[in-house]
């Protein structure tokens, strides 16, 4: 998930997990994502 801020990226990923039916709601998805490691990447547009 490419975003400027880590918290925004986690939130969008959580929303995608709900849309895909992998979790029941965003709160559940956020709890699953709390321990997921983050990689930062520079992107040139």
PDB file of N, CA and C in Angstrom:
ATOM      1  N   UNK A   1       0.854  -1.160   0.000  1.00  0.00           N
ATOM      2  CA  UNK A   1       0.000   0.000   0.000  1.00  0.00           C
ATOM      3  C   UNK A   1       0.900   1.222   0.000  1.00  0.00           C
ATOM      4  N   UNK A   2       0.924   1.995  -1.053  1.00  0.00           N
ATOM      5  CA  UNK A   2       1.755   3.192  -1.120  1.00  0.00           C
ATOM      6  C   UNK A   2       0.982   4.380  -0.573  1.00  0.00           C
ATOM      7  N   UNK A   3       1.500   4.945   0.485  1.00  0.00           N
ATOM      8  CA  UNK A   3       0.915   6.129   1.107  1.00  0.00           C
ATOM      9  C   UNK A   3       2.044   6.952   1.707  1.00  0.00           C
ATOM     10  N   UNK A   4       1.767   8.223   1.974  1.00  0.00           N
ATOM     11  CA  UNK A   4       2.759   9.108   2.589  1.00  0.00           C
ATOM     12  C   UNK A   4       3.016   8.761   4.055  1.00  0.00           C
ATOM     13  N   UNK A   5       1.999   8.258   4.739  1.00  0.00           N
ATOM     14  CA  UNK A   5       2.100   8.008   6.168  1.00  0.00           C
ATOM     15  C   UNK A   5       1.745   6.556   6.485  1.00  0.00           C
ATOM     16  N   UNK A   6       2.500   5.971   7.389  1.00  0.00           N
ATOM     17  CA  UNK A   6       2.310   4.564   7.746  1.00  0.00           C
ATOM     18  C   UNK A   6       0.895   4.293   8.259  1.00  0.00           C
ATOM     19  N   UNK A   7       0.367   5.174   9.122  1.00  0.00           N
ATOM     20  CA  UNK A   7      -0.971   4.948   9.665  1.00  0.00           C
ATOM     21  C   UNK A   7      -2.050   4.984   8.584  1.00  0.00           C
ATOM     22  N   UNK A   8      -1.877   5.841   7.583  1.00  0.00           N
ATOM     23  CA  UNK A   8      -2.817   5.902   6.469  1.00  0.00           C
ATOM     24  C   UNK A   8      -2.749   4.617   5.640  1.00  0.00           C
ATOM     25  N   UNK A   9      -1.548   4.112   5.425  1.00  0.00           N
ATOM     26  CA  UNK A   9      -1.387   2.873   4.663  1.00  0.00           C
ATOM     27  C   UNK A   9      -2.034   1.696   5.384  1.00  0.00           C
ATOM     28  N   UNK A  10      -1.832   1.611   6.690  1.00  0.00           N
ATOM     29  CA  UNK A  10      -2.455   0.528   7.462  1.00  0.00           C
ATOM     30  C   UNK A  10      -3.981   0.616   7.393  1.00  0.00           C
ATOM     31  N   UNK A  11      -4.508   1.821   7.502  1.00  0.00           N
ATOM     32  CA  UNK A  11      -5.959   2.015   7.461  1.00  0.00           C
ATOM     33  C   UNK A  11      -6.523   1.571   6.105  1.00  0.00           C
ATOM     34  N   UNK A  12      -5.882   1.971   5.022  1.00  0.00           N
ATOM     35  CA  UNK A  12      -6.356   1.581   3.686  1.00  0.00           C
ATOM     36  C   UNK A  12      -6.266   0.071   3.495  1.00  0.00           C
ATOM     37  N   UNK A  13      -5.177  -0.539   3.975  1.00  0.00           N
ATOM     38  CA  UNK A  13      -5.049  -1.989   3.874  1.00  0.00           C
ATOM     39  C   UNK A  13      -6.146  -2.675   4.686  1.00  0.00           C
ATOM     40  N   UNK A  14      -6.433  -2.147   5.863  1.00  0.00           N
ATOM     41  CA  UNK A  14      -7.510  -2.700   6.693  1.00  0.00           C
ATOM     42  C   UNK A  14      -8.844  -2.630   5.953  1.00  0.00           C
ATOM     43  N   UNK A  15      -9.108  -1.503   5.303  1.00  0.00           N
ATOM     44  CA  UNK A  15     -10.346  -1.364   4.538  1.00  0.00           C
ATOM     45  C   UNK A  15     -10.410  -2.369   3.391  1.00  0.00           C
ATOM     46  N   UNK A  16      -9.286  -2.618   2.744  1.00  0.00           N
ATOM     47  CA  UNK A  16      -9.249  -3.603   1.656  1.00  0.00           C
ATOM     48  C   UNK A  16      -9.532  -5.006   2.184  1.00  0.00           C
ATOM     49  N   UNK A  17      -8.988  -5.334   3.348  1.00  0.00           N
ATOM     50  CA  UNK A  17      -9.239  -6.658   3.930  1.00  0.00           C
ATOM     51  C   UNK A  17     -10.721  -6.853   4.218  1.00  0.00           C
ATOM     52  N   UNK A  18     -11.404  -5.795   4.666  1.00  0.00           N
ATOM     53  CA  UNK A  18     -12.850  -5.872   4.901  1.00  0.00           C
ATOM     54  C   UNK A  18     -13.579  -6.063   3.579  1.00  0.00           C
ATOM     55  N   UNK A  19     -13.199  -5.280   2.572  1.00  0.00           N
ATOM     56  CA  UNK A  19     -13.843  -5.395   1.253  1.00  0.00           C
ATOM     57  C   UNK A  19     -13.682  -6.786   0.660  1.00  0.00           C
ATOM     58  N   UNK A  20     -12.540  -7.416   0.927  1.00  0.00           N
ATOM     59  CA  UNK A  20     -12.281  -8.756   0.404  1.00  0.00           C
ATOM     60  C   UNK A  20     -12.948  -9.853   1.231  1.00  0.00           C
ATOM     61  N   UNK A  21     -13.521  -9.474   2.372  1.00  0.00           N
ATOM     62  CA  UNK A  21     -14.181 -10.446   3.232  1.00  0.00           C
ATOM     63  C   UNK A  21     -13.224 -11.244   4.094  1.00  0.00           C
ATOM     64  N   UNK A  22     -11.996 -10.787   4.234  1.00  0.00           N
ATOM     65  CA  UNK A  22     -11.005 -11.501   5.039  1.00  0.00           C
ATOM     66  C   UNK A  22     -11.210 -11.282   6.539  1.00  0.00           C
ATOM     67  N   UNK A  23     -11.808 -10.144   6.898  1.00  0.00           N
ATOM     68  CA  UNK A  23     -12.143  -9.818   8.287  1.00  0.00           C
ATOM     69  C   UNK A  23     -13.530  -9.188   8.296  1.00  0.00           C
ATOM     70  N   UNK A  24     -14.140  -9.116   9.476  1.00  0.00           N
ATOM     71  CA  UNK A  24     -15.511  -8.611   9.534  1.00  0.00           C
ATOM     72  C   UNK A  24     -15.611  -7.095   9.568  1.00  0.00           C
ATOM     73  N   UNK A  25     -14.601  -6.425  10.149  1.00  0.00           N
ATOM     74  CA  UNK A  25     -14.648  -4.963  10.192  1.00  0.00           C
ATOM     75  C   UNK A  25     -13.237  -4.377  10.283  1.00  0.00           C
ATOM     76  N   UNK A  26     -13.164  -3.051  10.145  1.00  0.00           N
ATOM     77  CA  UNK A  26     -11.870  -2.368  10.115  1.00  0.00           C
ATOM     78  C   UNK A  26     -11.131  -2.527  11.444  1.00  0.00           C
ATOM     79  N   UNK A  27     -11.848  -2.500  12.559  1.00  0.00           N
ATOM     80  CA  UNK A  27     -11.207  -2.655  13.867  1.00  0.00           C
ATOM     81  C   UNK A  27     -10.499  -4.006  13.972  1.00  0.00           C
ATOM     82  N   UNK A  28     -11.136  -5.053  13.509  1.00  0.00           N
ATOM     83  CA  UNK A  28     -10.520  -6.380  13.522  1.00  0.00           C
ATOM     84  C   UNK A  28      -9.284  -6.405  12.618  1.00  0.00           C
ATOM     85  N   UNK A  29      -9.412  -5.806  11.454  1.00  0.00           N
ATOM     86  CA  UNK A  29      -8.286  -5.763  10.520  1.00  0.00           C
ATOM     87  C   UNK A  29      -7.118  -4.988  11.121  1.00  0.00           C
ATOM     88  N   UNK A  30      -7.403  -3.868  11.772  1.00  0.00           N
ATOM     89  CA  UNK A  30      -6.336  -3.071  12.385  1.00  0.00           C
ATOM     90  C   UNK A  30      -5.628  -3.872  13.473  1.00  0.00           C
ATOM     91  N   UNK A  31      -6.352  -4.672  14.231  1.00  0.00           N
ATOM     92  CA  UNK A  31      -5.707  -5.484  15.262  1.00  0.00           C
ATOM     93  C   UNK A  31      -4.815  -6.561  14.640  1.00  0.00           C
ATOM     94  N   UNK A  32      -5.214  -7.085  13.490  1.00  0.00           N
ATOM     95  CA  UNK A  32      -4.394  -8.066  12.778  1.00  0.00           C
ATOM     96  C   UNK A  32      -3.121  -7.406  12.242  1.00  0.00           C
ATOM     97  N   UNK A  33      -3.233  -6.165  11.802  1.00  0.00           N
ATOM     98  CA  UNK A  33      -2.108  -5.468  11.163  1.00  0.00           C
ATOM     99  C   UNK A  33      -1.127  -4.826  12.145  1.00  0.00           C
ATOM    100  N   UNK A  34      -1.424  -4.831  13.438  1.00  0.00           N
ATOM    101  CA  UNK A  34      -0.555  -4.131  14.391  1.00  0.00           C
ATOM    102  C   UNK A  34       0.866  -4.680  14.412  1.00  0.00           C
ATOM    103  N   UNK A  35       1.031  -5.965  14.190  1.00  0.00           N
ATOM    104  CA  UNK A  35       2.360  -6.583  14.257  1.00  0.00           C
ATOM    105  C   UNK A  35       2.993  -6.821  12.889  1.00  0.00           C
ATOM    106  N   UNK A  36       2.345  -6.360  11.832  1.00  0.00           N
ATOM    107  CA  UNK A  36       2.885  -6.549  10.481  1.00  0.00           C
ATOM    108  C   UNK A  36       4.036  -5.568  10.270  1.00  0.00           C
ATOM    109  N   UNK A  37       5.216  -6.077   9.888  1.00  0.00           N
ATOM    110  CA  UNK A  37       6.350  -5.169   9.666  1.00  0.00           C
ATOM    111  C   UNK A  37       6.115  -4.267   8.453  1.00  0.00           C
ATOM    112  N   UNK A  38       6.711  -3.094   8.513  1.00  0.00           N
ATOM    113  CA  UNK A  38       6.536  -2.093   7.461  1.00  0.00           C
ATOM    114  C   UNK A  38       7.851  -1.897   6.738  1.00  0.00           C
ATOM    115  N   UNK A  39       7.798  -1.820   5.417  1.00  0.00           N
ATOM    116  CA  UNK A  39       8.954  -1.455   4.611  1.00  0.00           C
ATOM    117  C   UNK A  39       8.675  -0.100   3.982  1.00  0.00           C
ATOM    118  N   UNK A  40       9.656   0.779   4.083  1.00  0.00           N
ATOM    119  CA  UNK A  40       9.521   2.106   3.488  1.00  0.00           C
ATOM    120  C   UNK A  40      10.234   2.101   2.138  1.00  0.00           C
ATOM    121  N   UNK A  41       9.656   2.776   1.171  1.00  0.00           N
ATOM    122  CA  UNK A  41      10.224   2.800  -0.173  1.00  0.00           C
ATOM    123  C   UNK A  41      10.084   4.202  -0.762  1.00  0.00           C
ATOM    124  N   UNK A  42      11.102   4.628  -1.420  1.00  0.00           N
ATOM    125  CA  UNK A  42      11.040   5.884  -2.139  1.00  0.00           C
ATOM    126  C   UNK A  42      10.466   5.663  -3.522  1.00  0.00           C
ATOM    127  N   UNK A  43       9.552   6.540  -3.923  1.00  0.00           N
ATOM    128  CA  UNK A  43       8.913   6.415  -5.226  1.00  0.00           C
ATOM    129  C   UNK A  43       9.022   7.739  -5.959  1.00  0.00           C
ATOM    130  N   UNK A  44       9.422   7.683  -7.196  1.00  0.00           N
ATOM    131  CA  UNK A  44       9.488   8.877  -8.019  1.00  0.00           C
ATOM    132  C   UNK A  44       8.370   8.811  -9.040  1.00  0.00           C
ATOM    133  N   UNK A  45       7.537   9.834  -9.109  1.00  0.00           N
ATOM    134  CA  UNK A  45       6.421   9.876 -10.049  1.00  0.00           C
ATOM    135  C   UNK A  45       6.782  10.664 -11.244  1.00  0.00           C
TER     136      UNK A  45
END
